């Protein structure tokens, strides 16, 4: 890992992500998202990263889901990428904000039609009597929208985690792992190494 106080950690992230896309047998953009409710009780689940740039790391969800409710009550989160084939991990922490409606609309339009209908049909994180109930709801929305365009549901959007701290971890023999931290400061990013 190349450290330097003027280097942007996104350059290193994108280099590692590109390698992960080439080496991981499944989705390299799968990432553990940790949130906490208003009382500070944590929960974690896997989501898919859809964008990462200087503004932050973006994922999409049902705003009424558990994670959506937790982010509304406590707009801070952490991400953890683990690329086992590369023996690497990246952790990202910071405040979270909603993406713009235009961004959410643009991304929603790229989704497969069945995924769009599923977004309408799923009352994510709420009790489900059985799989047939979900299938019935998907069919109802399929009939509602017919062959026309499926608009983005008003309860479905994206979040952007604005990184304040990014840690790059690389496995080394005998558990002497490399850990490089980037922490946001007024002048940009400062770096430091940590003991494994």
N, C-alpha and C. Protein backbone atom coordinates (compact mmCIF):
# COMPACT_ATOMS: atom_id res chain seq x y z
N UNK A 1 0.85 -1.18 0.00
CA UNK A 1 0.00 0.00 0.00
C UNK A 1 0.88 1.23 0.00
N UNK A 2 0.54 2.12 -0.84
CA UNK A 2 1.30 3.37 -0.92
C UNK A 2 0.62 4.40 -0.02
N UNK A 3 1.38 4.92 0.93
CA UNK A 3 0.79 5.94 1.79
C UNK A 3 1.36 7.30 1.44
N UNK A 4 0.60 8.31 1.65
CA UNK A 4 1.04 9.67 1.39
C UNK A 4 -0.09 10.59 1.75
N UNK A 5 0.19 11.64 2.48
CA UNK A 5 -0.88 12.46 3.01
C UNK A 5 -1.67 13.16 1.91
N UNK A 6 -1.10 13.32 0.72
CA UNK A 6 -1.82 14.02 -0.33
C UNK A 6 -2.60 13.06 -1.23
N UNK A 7 -2.37 11.76 -1.09
CA UNK A 7 -3.04 10.78 -1.95
C UNK A 7 -4.51 10.63 -1.56
N UNK A 8 -5.36 10.56 -2.55
CA UNK A 8 -6.79 10.36 -2.32
C UNK A 8 -7.03 8.87 -2.11
N UNK A 9 -7.69 8.47 -1.01
CA UNK A 9 -7.92 7.05 -0.78
C UNK A 9 -8.81 6.40 -1.83
N UNK A 10 -9.61 7.20 -2.55
CA UNK A 10 -10.47 6.61 -3.58
C UNK A 10 -9.65 6.03 -4.72
N UNK A 11 -8.48 6.58 -4.97
CA UNK A 11 -7.61 6.02 -6.00
C UNK A 11 -7.21 4.60 -5.62
N UNK A 12 -6.81 4.41 -4.37
CA UNK A 12 -6.45 3.08 -3.89
C UNK A 12 -7.68 2.18 -3.86
N UNK A 13 -8.83 2.70 -3.40
CA UNK A 13 -10.05 1.89 -3.37
C UNK A 13 -10.40 1.39 -4.75
N UNK A 14 -10.38 2.27 -5.76
CA UNK A 14 -10.76 1.85 -7.11
C UNK A 14 -9.77 0.84 -7.69
N UNK A 15 -8.51 0.96 -7.35
CA UNK A 15 -7.53 -0.03 -7.82
C UNK A 15 -7.83 -1.40 -7.20
N UNK A 16 -8.09 -1.41 -5.90
CA UNK A 16 -8.42 -2.67 -5.22
C UNK A 16 -9.75 -3.22 -5.74
N UNK A 17 -10.73 -2.36 -5.96
CA UNK A 17 -12.04 -2.80 -6.42
C UNK A 17 -11.94 -3.43 -7.80
N UNK A 18 -11.14 -2.84 -8.67
CA UNK A 18 -10.94 -3.39 -10.01
C UNK A 18 -10.34 -4.80 -9.93
N UNK A 19 -9.35 -4.98 -9.04
CA UNK A 19 -8.77 -6.31 -8.85
C UNK A 19 -9.81 -7.28 -8.30
N UNK A 20 -10.65 -6.81 -7.39
CA UNK A 20 -11.69 -7.67 -6.81
C UNK A 20 -12.70 -8.10 -7.87
N UNK A 21 -13.07 -7.19 -8.76
CA UNK A 21 -14.01 -7.54 -9.83
C UNK A 21 -13.45 -8.65 -10.71
N UNK A 22 -12.12 -8.67 -10.87
CA UNK A 22 -11.49 -9.69 -11.70
C UNK A 22 -11.28 -11.01 -10.97
N UNK A 23 -11.23 -10.98 -9.64
CA UNK A 23 -10.85 -12.19 -8.90
C UNK A 23 -11.96 -12.81 -8.07
N UNK A 24 -12.95 -12.03 -7.65
CA UNK A 24 -13.98 -12.56 -6.77
C UNK A 24 -14.96 -13.42 -7.57
N UNK A 25 -15.31 -14.60 -7.05
CA UNK A 25 -16.24 -15.47 -7.79
C UNK A 25 -17.66 -14.94 -7.82
N UNK A 26 -18.04 -14.12 -6.87
CA UNK A 26 -19.39 -13.54 -6.84
C UNK A 26 -19.27 -12.02 -6.95
N UNK A 27 -20.25 -11.30 -6.46
CA UNK A 27 -20.29 -9.85 -6.62
C UNK A 27 -19.22 -9.15 -5.77
N UNK A 28 -18.28 -8.52 -6.44
CA UNK A 28 -17.23 -7.79 -5.73
C UNK A 28 -17.79 -6.55 -5.04
N UNK A 29 -18.97 -6.09 -5.47
CA UNK A 29 -19.57 -4.90 -4.87
C UNK A 29 -20.44 -5.21 -3.66
N UNK A 30 -20.48 -6.48 -3.22
CA UNK A 30 -21.21 -6.82 -2.00
C UNK A 30 -20.44 -6.28 -0.80
N UNK A 31 -21.16 -5.61 0.09
CA UNK A 31 -20.51 -4.95 1.21
C UNK A 31 -21.42 -5.05 2.44
N UNK A 32 -20.81 -5.29 3.60
CA UNK A 32 -21.57 -5.29 4.85
C UNK A 32 -21.83 -3.84 5.25
N UNK A 33 -23.09 -3.54 5.51
CA UNK A 33 -23.51 -2.21 5.95
C UNK A 33 -23.92 -2.31 7.40
N UNK A 34 -23.28 -1.52 8.26
CA UNK A 34 -23.64 -1.47 9.68
C UNK A 34 -24.32 -0.14 9.97
N UNK A 35 -25.47 -0.24 10.63
CA UNK A 35 -26.22 0.94 11.05
C UNK A 35 -26.55 0.77 12.52
N UNK A 36 -27.09 1.81 13.11
CA UNK A 36 -27.54 1.73 14.51
C UNK A 36 -28.82 2.55 14.63
N UNK A 37 -29.70 2.10 15.52
CA UNK A 37 -30.95 2.84 15.70
C UNK A 37 -30.71 4.04 16.62
N UNK A 38 -31.76 4.75 16.96
CA UNK A 38 -31.65 5.96 17.77
C UNK A 38 -31.05 5.69 19.14
N UNK A 39 -31.20 4.45 19.65
CA UNK A 39 -30.63 4.09 20.95
C UNK A 39 -29.18 3.61 20.84
N UNK A 40 -28.69 3.48 19.61
CA UNK A 40 -27.32 3.02 19.41
C UNK A 40 -27.21 1.51 19.25
N UNK A 41 -28.33 0.80 19.14
CA UNK A 41 -28.30 -0.65 18.96
C UNK A 41 -27.93 -0.95 17.51
N UNK A 42 -26.82 -1.68 17.28
CA UNK A 42 -26.34 -1.90 15.91
C UNK A 42 -27.04 -3.05 15.20
N UNK A 43 -26.99 -3.01 13.88
CA UNK A 43 -27.38 -4.14 13.05
C UNK A 43 -26.55 -4.06 11.76
N UNK A 44 -26.36 -5.22 11.13
CA UNK A 44 -25.56 -5.27 9.91
C UNK A 44 -26.21 -6.20 8.91
N UNK A 45 -26.00 -5.92 7.63
CA UNK A 45 -26.50 -6.74 6.55
C UNK A 45 -25.68 -6.44 5.31
N UNK A 46 -25.81 -7.30 4.30
CA UNK A 46 -25.10 -7.10 3.04
C UNK A 46 -25.96 -6.25 2.10
N UNK A 47 -25.32 -5.31 1.42
CA UNK A 47 -25.95 -4.53 0.36
C UNK A 47 -24.99 -4.52 -0.83
N UNK A 48 -25.42 -3.92 -1.92
CA UNK A 48 -24.56 -3.83 -3.10
C UNK A 48 -24.16 -2.37 -3.33
N UNK A 49 -22.87 -2.13 -3.42
CA UNK A 49 -22.36 -0.79 -3.74
C UNK A 49 -22.70 -0.50 -5.19
N UNK A 50 -23.27 0.67 -5.44
CA UNK A 50 -23.64 1.04 -6.81
C UNK A 50 -22.81 2.18 -7.37
N UNK A 51 -22.10 2.90 -6.51
CA UNK A 51 -21.25 3.99 -7.00
C UNK A 51 -20.29 4.37 -5.88
N UNK A 52 -19.12 4.83 -6.27
CA UNK A 52 -18.14 5.35 -5.31
C UNK A 52 -17.35 6.43 -6.04
N UNK A 53 -17.44 7.65 -5.53
CA UNK A 53 -16.68 8.75 -6.11
C UNK A 53 -16.30 9.71 -4.98
N UNK A 54 -15.83 10.89 -5.34
CA UNK A 54 -15.36 11.84 -4.33
C UNK A 54 -16.47 12.25 -3.36
N UNK A 55 -17.74 12.10 -3.77
CA UNK A 55 -18.85 12.46 -2.90
C UNK A 55 -19.18 11.37 -1.90
N UNK A 56 -18.83 10.11 -2.20
CA UNK A 56 -19.09 9.04 -1.26
C UNK A 56 -19.45 7.72 -1.91
N UNK A 57 -19.92 6.79 -1.07
CA UNK A 57 -20.24 5.42 -1.45
C UNK A 57 -21.76 5.27 -1.45
N UNK A 58 -22.35 4.80 -2.56
CA UNK A 58 -23.80 4.81 -2.73
C UNK A 58 -24.37 3.40 -2.78
N UNK A 59 -25.50 3.21 -2.07
CA UNK A 59 -26.29 1.99 -2.13
C UNK A 59 -27.76 2.40 -2.11
N UNK A 60 -28.64 1.47 -2.52
CA UNK A 60 -30.07 1.77 -2.62
C UNK A 60 -30.88 0.80 -1.77
N UNK A 61 -32.06 1.26 -1.33
CA UNK A 61 -32.90 0.42 -0.49
C UNK A 61 -34.31 0.99 -0.38
N UNK A 62 -35.17 0.22 0.26
CA UNK A 62 -36.49 0.67 0.65
C UNK A 62 -36.31 1.57 1.88
N UNK A 63 -36.79 2.79 1.81
CA UNK A 63 -36.60 3.73 2.90
C UNK A 63 -37.34 3.32 4.17
N UNK A 64 -38.35 2.44 4.02
CA UNK A 64 -39.13 1.98 5.17
C UNK A 64 -38.59 0.68 5.75
N UNK A 65 -37.48 0.18 5.21
CA UNK A 65 -36.85 -1.03 5.74
C UNK A 65 -36.19 -0.71 7.08
N UNK A 66 -35.68 -1.74 7.73
CA UNK A 66 -34.99 -1.52 9.00
C UNK A 66 -33.80 -0.59 8.81
N UNK A 67 -33.00 -0.85 7.78
CA UNK A 67 -31.83 0.02 7.59
C UNK A 67 -32.25 1.45 7.24
N UNK A 68 -33.32 1.59 6.43
CA UNK A 68 -33.80 2.93 6.09
C UNK A 68 -34.28 3.68 7.33
N UNK A 69 -35.00 2.99 8.19
CA UNK A 69 -35.48 3.61 9.44
C UNK A 69 -34.32 3.97 10.35
N UNK A 70 -33.34 3.08 10.45
CA UNK A 70 -32.18 3.36 11.31
C UNK A 70 -31.38 4.54 10.79
N UNK A 71 -31.21 4.62 9.47
CA UNK A 71 -30.45 5.74 8.90
C UNK A 71 -31.20 7.05 9.05
N UNK A 72 -32.52 7.00 9.05
CA UNK A 72 -33.30 8.22 9.28
C UNK A 72 -33.13 8.70 10.72
N UNK A 73 -33.06 7.75 11.67
CA UNK A 73 -32.92 8.10 13.09
C UNK A 73 -31.49 8.42 13.48
N UNK A 74 -30.53 7.81 12.82
CA UNK A 74 -29.12 7.95 13.17
C UNK A 74 -28.31 7.91 11.87
N UNK A 75 -28.12 9.06 11.23
CA UNK A 75 -27.53 9.09 9.88
C UNK A 75 -26.00 8.93 9.85
N UNK A 76 -25.54 7.84 10.45
CA UNK A 76 -24.12 7.46 10.39
C UNK A 76 -24.07 5.97 10.14
N UNK A 77 -23.04 5.53 9.40
CA UNK A 77 -22.96 4.11 9.07
C UNK A 77 -21.52 3.72 8.81
N UNK A 78 -21.33 2.41 8.65
CA UNK A 78 -20.02 1.87 8.31
C UNK A 78 -20.21 0.79 7.25
N UNK A 79 -19.24 0.69 6.36
CA UNK A 79 -19.21 -0.34 5.33
C UNK A 79 -17.98 -1.19 5.54
N UNK A 80 -18.07 -2.48 5.21
CA UNK A 80 -16.90 -3.35 5.26
C UNK A 80 -16.90 -4.27 4.04
N UNK A 81 -15.95 -4.03 3.15
CA UNK A 81 -15.73 -4.91 2.00
C UNK A 81 -14.73 -5.97 2.43
N UNK A 82 -15.00 -7.23 2.09
CA UNK A 82 -14.04 -8.30 2.35
C UNK A 82 -13.89 -9.10 1.07
N UNK A 83 -12.70 -9.00 0.48
CA UNK A 83 -12.41 -9.72 -0.75
C UNK A 83 -11.48 -10.87 -0.41
N UNK A 84 -12.09 -12.02 -0.11
CA UNK A 84 -11.36 -13.17 0.40
C UNK A 84 -10.29 -13.64 -0.56
N UNK A 85 -10.59 -13.65 -1.87
CA UNK A 85 -9.62 -14.15 -2.85
C UNK A 85 -8.35 -13.29 -2.88
N UNK A 86 -8.48 -12.02 -2.53
CA UNK A 86 -7.33 -11.10 -2.51
C UNK A 86 -6.72 -10.95 -1.12
N UNK A 87 -7.43 -11.49 -0.11
CA UNK A 87 -7.00 -11.34 1.28
C UNK A 87 -6.90 -9.86 1.65
N UNK A 88 -7.97 -9.14 1.30
CA UNK A 88 -8.02 -7.71 1.55
C UNK A 88 -9.37 -7.32 2.13
N UNK A 89 -9.35 -6.21 2.84
CA UNK A 89 -10.57 -5.67 3.43
C UNK A 89 -10.48 -4.15 3.39
N UNK A 90 -11.61 -3.50 3.17
CA UNK A 90 -11.69 -2.04 3.24
C UNK A 90 -12.87 -1.69 4.12
N UNK A 91 -12.62 -0.83 5.12
CA UNK A 91 -13.67 -0.35 6.02
C UNK A 91 -13.85 1.14 5.80
N UNK A 92 -15.11 1.57 5.74
CA UNK A 92 -15.44 2.97 5.47
C UNK A 92 -16.44 3.42 6.53
N UNK A 93 -16.21 4.58 7.13
CA UNK A 93 -17.10 5.11 8.16
C UNK A 93 -17.40 6.57 7.89
N UNK A 94 -18.65 6.97 8.20
CA UNK A 94 -18.98 8.39 8.04
C UNK A 94 -20.46 8.65 8.08
N UNK A 95 -20.84 9.92 7.95
CA UNK A 95 -22.25 10.29 7.92
C UNK A 95 -22.89 9.87 6.60
N UNK A 96 -24.22 9.73 6.65
CA UNK A 96 -24.98 9.27 5.49
C UNK A 96 -26.04 10.30 5.14
N UNK A 97 -26.26 10.48 3.83
CA UNK A 97 -27.30 11.38 3.35
C UNK A 97 -28.02 10.71 2.19
N UNK A 98 -29.24 11.14 1.93
CA UNK A 98 -30.00 10.61 0.79
C UNK A 98 -29.42 11.12 -0.50
N UNK A 99 -29.45 10.30 -1.55
CA UNK A 99 -29.09 10.78 -2.88
C UNK A 99 -30.24 11.64 -3.39
N UNK A 100 -30.01 12.38 -4.45
CA UNK A 100 -31.08 13.22 -5.01
C UNK A 100 -32.13 12.33 -5.68
N UNK A 101 -33.33 12.87 -5.83
CA UNK A 101 -34.39 12.13 -6.53
C UNK A 101 -33.96 11.80 -7.95
N UNK A 102 -33.26 12.72 -8.60
CA UNK A 102 -32.82 12.48 -9.98
C UNK A 102 -31.84 11.30 -10.04
N UNK A 103 -30.92 11.23 -9.08
CA UNK A 103 -29.98 10.10 -9.04
C UNK A 103 -30.72 8.79 -8.82
N UNK A 104 -31.67 8.80 -7.87
CA UNK A 104 -32.43 7.58 -7.59
C UNK A 104 -33.26 7.17 -8.80
N UNK A 105 -33.89 8.14 -9.47
CA UNK A 105 -34.67 7.84 -10.68
C UNK A 105 -33.79 7.22 -11.76
N UNK A 106 -32.62 7.83 -11.98
CA UNK A 106 -31.71 7.33 -13.02
C UNK A 106 -31.27 5.90 -12.73
N UNK A 107 -30.91 5.62 -11.47
CA UNK A 107 -30.48 4.26 -11.16
C UNK A 107 -31.65 3.28 -11.26
N UNK A 108 -32.82 3.66 -10.73
CA UNK A 108 -33.98 2.77 -10.77
C UNK A 108 -34.31 2.37 -12.21
N UNK A 109 -34.16 3.30 -13.14
CA UNK A 109 -34.48 3.04 -14.54
C UNK A 109 -33.55 1.98 -15.15
N UNK A 110 -32.37 1.76 -14.56
CA UNK A 110 -31.43 0.76 -15.10
C UNK A 110 -31.73 -0.65 -14.59
N UNK A 111 -32.58 -0.77 -13.58
CA UNK A 111 -32.86 -2.08 -12.99
C UNK A 111 -33.76 -2.91 -13.92
N UNK A 112 -33.64 -4.22 -13.81
CA UNK A 112 -34.51 -5.13 -14.56
C UNK A 112 -35.96 -4.87 -14.15
N UNK A 113 -36.87 -5.04 -15.08
CA UNK A 113 -38.29 -4.77 -14.81
C UNK A 113 -38.79 -5.55 -13.60
N UNK A 114 -38.43 -6.84 -13.48
CA UNK A 114 -38.88 -7.64 -12.35
C UNK A 114 -38.35 -7.08 -11.03
N UNK A 115 -37.14 -6.54 -11.04
CA UNK A 115 -36.59 -5.91 -9.84
C UNK A 115 -37.35 -4.63 -9.51
N UNK A 116 -37.73 -3.89 -10.55
CA UNK A 116 -38.53 -2.68 -10.33
C UNK A 116 -39.88 -3.04 -9.70
N UNK A 117 -40.53 -4.08 -10.24
CA UNK A 117 -41.82 -4.50 -9.68
C UNK A 117 -41.64 -5.03 -8.25
N UNK A 118 -40.53 -5.73 -8.02
CA UNK A 118 -40.24 -6.23 -6.67
C UNK A 118 -40.08 -5.11 -5.67
N UNK A 119 -39.50 -4.00 -6.11
CA UNK A 119 -39.35 -2.85 -5.20
C UNK A 119 -40.71 -2.32 -4.77
N UNK A 120 -41.67 -2.29 -5.69
CA UNK A 120 -43.03 -1.85 -5.35
C UNK A 120 -43.71 -2.87 -4.43
N UNK A 121 -43.51 -4.16 -4.73
CA UNK A 121 -44.25 -5.21 -4.03
C UNK A 121 -43.75 -5.49 -2.62
N UNK A 122 -42.45 -5.32 -2.40
CA UNK A 122 -41.87 -5.71 -1.11
C UNK A 122 -42.09 -4.65 -0.04
N UNK A 123 -42.69 -5.07 1.05
CA UNK A 123 -42.77 -4.22 2.24
C UNK A 123 -41.58 -4.62 3.12
N UNK A 124 -40.41 -4.27 2.65
CA UNK A 124 -39.16 -4.78 3.20
C UNK A 124 -39.07 -4.66 4.72
N UNK A 125 -38.62 -5.73 5.34
CA UNK A 125 -38.38 -5.84 6.78
C UNK A 125 -39.66 -6.01 7.60
N UNK A 126 -40.82 -6.06 6.95
CA UNK A 126 -42.07 -6.27 7.68
C UNK A 126 -42.53 -7.72 7.54
N UNK A 127 -43.36 -8.21 8.46
CA UNK A 127 -43.78 -9.61 8.43
C UNK A 127 -44.45 -9.99 7.10
N UNK A 128 -44.16 -11.22 6.64
CA UNK A 128 -44.71 -11.77 5.39
C UNK A 128 -45.39 -13.09 5.72
N UNK A 129 -46.67 -13.21 5.38
CA UNK A 129 -47.42 -14.43 5.70
C UNK A 129 -46.88 -15.65 4.95
N UNK A 130 -46.40 -15.45 3.73
CA UNK A 130 -45.88 -16.55 2.94
C UNK A 130 -45.43 -16.04 1.59
N UNK A 131 -44.66 -16.85 0.86
CA UNK A 131 -44.09 -16.42 -0.41
C UNK A 131 -45.17 -16.08 -1.43
N UNK A 132 -46.34 -16.75 -1.33
CA UNK A 132 -47.41 -16.48 -2.29
C UNK A 132 -47.95 -15.06 -2.14
N UNK A 133 -47.90 -14.53 -0.94
CA UNK A 133 -48.33 -13.14 -0.73
C UNK A 133 -47.42 -12.19 -1.51
N UNK A 134 -46.13 -12.43 -1.46
CA UNK A 134 -45.18 -11.58 -2.20
C UNK A 134 -45.41 -11.73 -3.71
N UNK A 135 -45.55 -12.97 -4.18
CA UNK A 135 -45.77 -13.21 -5.60
C UNK A 135 -47.07 -12.55 -6.08
N UNK A 136 -48.10 -12.58 -5.24
CA UNK A 136 -49.37 -11.93 -5.58
C UNK A 136 -49.18 -10.42 -5.73
N UNK A 137 -48.42 -9.84 -4.81
CA UNK A 137 -48.17 -8.39 -4.88
C UNK A 137 -47.36 -8.03 -6.12
N UNK A 138 -46.38 -8.85 -6.49
CA UNK A 138 -45.60 -8.60 -7.71
C UNK A 138 -46.54 -8.64 -8.92
N UNK A 139 -47.42 -9.63 -8.96
CA UNK A 139 -48.37 -9.73 -10.08
C UNK A 139 -49.31 -8.52 -10.12
N UNK A 140 -49.74 -8.05 -8.96
CA UNK A 140 -50.62 -6.88 -8.91
C UNK A 140 -49.94 -5.66 -9.51
N UNK A 141 -48.68 -5.45 -9.14
CA UNK A 141 -47.97 -4.28 -9.68
C UNK A 141 -47.64 -4.47 -11.15
N UNK A 142 -47.39 -5.73 -11.56
CA UNK A 142 -47.18 -5.99 -12.98
C UNK A 142 -48.41 -5.61 -13.79
N UNK A 143 -49.60 -5.94 -13.26
CA UNK A 143 -50.85 -5.59 -13.93
C UNK A 143 -51.08 -4.08 -13.90
N UNK A 144 -50.74 -3.47 -12.78
CA UNK A 144 -50.95 -2.01 -12.64
C UNK A 144 -50.15 -1.24 -13.67
N UNK A 145 -48.88 -1.62 -13.87
CA UNK A 145 -48.02 -0.87 -14.78
C UNK A 145 -48.06 -1.42 -16.20
N UNK A 146 -48.66 -2.60 -16.39
CA UNK A 146 -48.79 -3.16 -17.73
C UNK A 146 -47.44 -3.23 -18.44
N UNK A 147 -47.43 -2.80 -19.67
CA UNK A 147 -46.18 -2.80 -20.46
C UNK A 147 -45.46 -1.46 -20.38
N UNK A 148 -46.04 -0.52 -19.64
CA UNK A 148 -45.45 0.81 -19.55
C UNK A 148 -44.25 0.87 -18.61
N UNK A 149 -43.70 2.05 -18.52
CA UNK A 149 -42.55 2.30 -17.65
C UNK A 149 -42.97 2.12 -16.19
N UNK A 150 -42.06 1.51 -15.40
CA UNK A 150 -42.31 1.36 -13.97
C UNK A 150 -41.60 2.52 -13.26
N UNK A 151 -42.34 3.44 -12.65
CA UNK A 151 -41.69 4.56 -11.96
C UNK A 151 -41.06 4.11 -10.65
N UNK A 152 -40.15 4.91 -10.16
CA UNK A 152 -39.53 4.61 -8.86
C UNK A 152 -40.55 4.84 -7.75
N UNK A 153 -40.68 3.87 -6.83
CA UNK A 153 -41.59 4.09 -5.70
C UNK A 153 -41.11 5.25 -4.83
N UNK A 154 -42.02 6.01 -4.24
CA UNK A 154 -41.61 7.13 -3.41
C UNK A 154 -40.89 6.70 -2.14
N UNK A 155 -41.03 5.42 -1.77
CA UNK A 155 -40.38 4.90 -0.56
C UNK A 155 -39.08 4.17 -0.87
N UNK A 156 -38.55 4.34 -2.05
CA UNK A 156 -37.32 3.64 -2.47
C UNK A 156 -36.34 4.68 -2.98
N UNK A 157 -35.13 4.66 -2.44
CA UNK A 157 -34.12 5.63 -2.86
C UNK A 157 -32.73 5.12 -2.49
N UNK A 158 -31.78 6.00 -2.54
CA UNK A 158 -30.40 5.63 -2.22
C UNK A 158 -29.83 6.48 -1.11
N UNK A 159 -28.74 5.97 -0.56
CA UNK A 159 -27.99 6.69 0.46
C UNK A 159 -26.54 6.81 0.02
N UNK A 160 -25.93 7.89 0.41
CA UNK A 160 -24.51 8.12 0.14
C UNK A 160 -23.78 8.25 1.47
N UNK A 161 -22.83 7.36 1.71
CA UNK A 161 -21.99 7.45 2.90
C UNK A 161 -20.79 8.33 2.52
N UNK A 162 -20.67 9.45 3.21
CA UNK A 162 -19.56 10.38 2.96
C UNK A 162 -18.41 10.00 3.89
N UNK A 163 -17.34 9.41 3.35
CA UNK A 163 -16.30 8.85 4.22
C UNK A 163 -15.52 9.89 5.01
N UNK A 164 -15.40 9.61 6.30
CA UNK A 164 -14.52 10.40 7.16
C UNK A 164 -13.29 9.58 7.56
N UNK A 165 -13.42 8.25 7.42
CA UNK A 165 -12.33 7.35 7.77
C UNK A 165 -12.42 6.14 6.86
N UNK A 166 -11.29 5.79 6.24
CA UNK A 166 -11.22 4.60 5.38
C UNK A 166 -9.99 3.81 5.81
N UNK A 167 -10.19 2.53 6.08
CA UNK A 167 -9.07 1.67 6.46
C UNK A 167 -8.87 0.60 5.41
N UNK A 168 -7.63 0.47 4.94
CA UNK A 168 -7.23 -0.57 4.01
C UNK A 168 -6.44 -1.62 4.80
N UNK A 169 -6.87 -2.86 4.70
CA UNK A 169 -6.26 -3.97 5.44
C UNK A 169 -5.81 -5.02 4.44
N UNK A 170 -4.57 -5.48 4.57
CA UNK A 170 -4.06 -6.54 3.71
C UNK A 170 -3.43 -7.62 4.57
N UNK A 171 -3.83 -8.86 4.30
CA UNK A 171 -3.30 -9.99 5.06
C UNK A 171 -1.83 -10.21 4.74
N UNK A 172 -1.09 -10.52 5.80
CA UNK A 172 0.33 -10.90 5.65
C UNK A 172 0.57 -12.13 6.50
N UNK A 173 1.65 -12.87 6.23
CA UNK A 173 1.94 -14.09 7.00
C UNK A 173 2.07 -13.82 8.50
N UNK A 174 1.75 -14.83 9.28
CA UNK A 174 1.89 -14.81 10.73
C UNK A 174 1.06 -13.72 11.40
N UNK A 175 -0.03 -13.34 10.73
CA UNK A 175 -0.96 -12.32 11.23
C UNK A 175 -0.31 -10.95 11.43
N UNK A 176 0.74 -10.70 10.67
CA UNK A 176 1.40 -9.39 10.70
C UNK A 176 0.80 -8.52 9.59
N UNK A 177 -0.49 -8.32 9.67
CA UNK A 177 -1.24 -7.67 8.60
C UNK A 177 -0.89 -6.18 8.48
N UNK A 178 -1.11 -5.66 7.28
CA UNK A 178 -0.93 -4.23 7.03
C UNK A 178 -2.25 -3.51 7.25
N UNK A 179 -2.23 -2.40 7.96
CA UNK A 179 -3.41 -1.56 8.15
C UNK A 179 -3.04 -0.11 7.89
N UNK A 180 -3.69 0.49 6.92
CA UNK A 180 -3.45 1.89 6.57
C UNK A 180 -4.76 2.65 6.69
N UNK A 181 -4.73 3.69 7.51
CA UNK A 181 -5.91 4.51 7.77
C UNK A 181 -5.80 5.84 7.04
N UNK A 182 -6.90 6.22 6.41
CA UNK A 182 -7.05 7.58 5.87
C UNK A 182 -8.13 8.25 6.70
N UNK A 183 -7.83 9.37 7.30
CA UNK A 183 -8.81 10.12 8.09
C UNK A 183 -8.95 11.52 7.47
N UNK A 184 -10.19 11.93 7.25
CA UNK A 184 -10.42 13.24 6.63
C UNK A 184 -10.06 14.35 7.61
N UNK A 185 -9.37 15.34 7.10
CA UNK A 185 -9.03 16.52 7.90
C UNK A 185 -9.31 17.75 7.06
N UNK A 186 -9.13 18.92 7.63
CA UNK A 186 -9.43 20.15 6.90
C UNK A 186 -8.60 20.29 5.64
N UNK A 187 -7.37 19.82 5.67
CA UNK A 187 -6.49 19.94 4.51
C UNK A 187 -6.59 18.79 3.54
N UNK A 188 -7.50 17.88 3.74
CA UNK A 188 -7.61 16.72 2.85
C UNK A 188 -7.65 15.44 3.66
N UNK A 189 -6.71 14.55 3.41
CA UNK A 189 -6.64 13.27 4.11
C UNK A 189 -5.30 13.15 4.81
N UNK A 190 -5.32 12.65 6.03
CA UNK A 190 -4.08 12.31 6.71
C UNK A 190 -4.04 10.80 6.84
N UNK A 191 -2.85 10.25 6.84
CA UNK A 191 -2.72 8.79 6.90
C UNK A 191 -1.88 8.38 8.10
N UNK A 192 -2.14 7.16 8.53
CA UNK A 192 -1.30 6.56 9.56
C UNK A 192 -1.43 5.05 9.46
N UNK A 193 -0.40 4.37 9.91
CA UNK A 193 -0.43 2.91 9.95
C UNK A 193 -0.77 2.46 11.36
N UNK A 194 -1.46 1.32 11.45
CA UNK A 194 -1.83 0.76 12.74
C UNK A 194 -1.20 -0.61 12.90
N UNK A 195 -0.93 -0.97 14.16
CA UNK A 195 -0.51 -2.34 14.44
C UNK A 195 -1.65 -3.28 14.03
N UNK A 196 -1.33 -4.51 13.61
CA UNK A 196 -2.38 -5.46 13.26
C UNK A 196 -3.19 -5.89 14.48
